[in-house]
Amino acid sequence: MPVSQDSLLLTAQERYRGQARMLIDLDRDTVAGVTFAGPGVGELLHSATIAVAGEVPIDRLWHAVPAFPTISEVWLRLLEAHRG
């Protein structure tokens, strides 16, 4: 999923471009893997590690999305893409 300024609300009118992909184990409804490419993706790696290693159910991830506009909103976009 391409990530751009249009899909993320960032502070100070920042321009952002990158890529994010999430692989879901449909049998267990958990995140099996996540990749990010772009500036500042380091802040996303810890949450991805927790989601994958902890086998966090997709329904539970909806409650863990940051409530303020940061690059971490990419999680919300990935979950929305999965939900369709």
Protein backbone atom coordinates (compact mmCIF):
# COMPACT_ATOMS: atom_id res chain seq x y z
CA MET A 1 0.00 0.00 0.00
CA PRO A 2 1.56 3.33 -0.94
CA VAL A 3 1.64 5.75 1.94
CA SER A 4 1.48 9.44 1.13
CA GLN A 5 0.50 12.73 2.66
CA ASP A 6 -3.04 12.09 1.42
CA SER A 7 -3.39 8.93 3.50
CA LEU A 8 -1.65 10.18 6.64
CA LEU A 9 -2.46 13.26 8.66
CA LEU A 10 0.91 14.60 9.74
CA THR A 11 1.73 17.59 11.83
CA ALA A 12 3.21 20.78 10.39
CA GLN A 13 2.09 19.96 6.85
CA GLU A 14 4.92 17.47 6.41
CA ARG A 15 5.18 15.74 3.06
CA TYR A 16 5.58 11.98 3.37
CA ARG A 17 5.96 9.17 0.88
CA GLY A 18 6.71 5.53 1.57
CA GLN A 19 5.41 1.98 1.37
CA ALA A 20 3.75 -0.31 3.90
CA ARG A 21 2.58 -3.90 3.57
CA MET A 22 0.99 -6.21 6.09
CA LEU A 23 0.71 -9.98 5.70
CA ILE A 24 -2.21 -11.49 7.60
CA ASP A 25 -2.61 -15.12 8.62
CA LEU A 26 -6.27 -15.51 7.69
CA ASP A 27 -6.65 -18.80 9.57
CA ARG A 28 -5.60 -17.24 12.88
CA ASP A 29 -6.56 -13.62 12.01
CA THR A 30 -3.17 -12.33 13.17
CA VAL A 31 -0.39 -10.29 11.61
CA ALA A 32 2.20 -12.65 10.12
CA GLY A 33 4.56 -9.95 8.83
CA VAL A 34 4.92 -6.25 8.11
CA THR A 35 7.31 -4.26 5.95
CA PHE A 36 7.83 -0.51 5.84
CA ALA A 37 9.97 1.62 3.54
CA GLY A 38 10.41 5.36 3.81
CA PRO A 39 11.71 8.08 6.10
CA GLY A 40 11.08 7.61 9.81
CA VAL A 41 9.83 4.02 9.63
CA GLY A 42 12.01 3.13 12.62
CA GLU A 43 9.23 4.31 14.92
CA LEU A 44 6.94 1.65 13.39
CA LEU A 45 9.25 -1.33 13.88
CA HIS A 46 8.61 -1.93 17.57
CA SER A 47 4.84 -2.03 17.18
CA ALA A 48 5.21 -4.39 14.20
CA THR A 49 7.46 -6.69 16.22
CA ILE A 50 4.94 -6.79 19.07
CA ALA A 51 2.04 -7.48 16.69
CA VAL A 52 3.86 -10.34 14.94
CA ALA A 53 5.70 -11.95 17.87
CA GLY A 54 2.71 -11.54 20.19
CA GLU A 55 0.33 -12.98 17.61
CA VAL A 56 -2.03 -10.09 18.30
CA PRO A 57 -5.48 -10.64 16.76
CA ILE A 58 -6.47 -8.11 14.10
CA ASP A 59 -9.57 -7.12 16.06
CA ARG A 60 -7.38 -6.18 19.03
CA LEU A 61 -5.08 -4.02 16.88
CA TRP A 62 -7.99 -1.65 16.16
CA HIS A 63 -7.76 -0.61 19.82
CA ALA A 64 -4.02 0.08 19.66
CA VAL A 65 -3.97 2.69 16.89
CA PRO A 66 -2.45 6.01 18.03
CA ALA A 67 -5.00 8.73 18.69
CA PHE A 68 -2.88 11.56 17.31
CA PRO A 69 -1.61 12.25 13.80
CA THR A 70 1.81 10.67 13.36
CA ILE A 71 3.41 8.25 10.94
CA SER A 72 1.97 5.52 13.18
CA GLU A 73 -1.40 6.15 11.58
CA VAL A 74 -0.17 3.84 8.83
CA TRP A 75 -1.42 1.02 11.09
CA LEU A 76 -4.95 2.37 10.78
CA ARG A 77 -4.63 2.51 6.98
CA LEU A 78 -3.36 -1.09 6.87
CA LEU A 79 -6.25 -2.29 9.04
CA GLU A 80 -8.74 -0.36 6.91
CA ALA A 81 -7.28 -1.96 3.77
CA HIS A 82 -7.68 -5.41 5.32
CA ARG A 83 -11.27 -4.73 6.35
CA GLY A 84 -12.01 -3.49 2.83
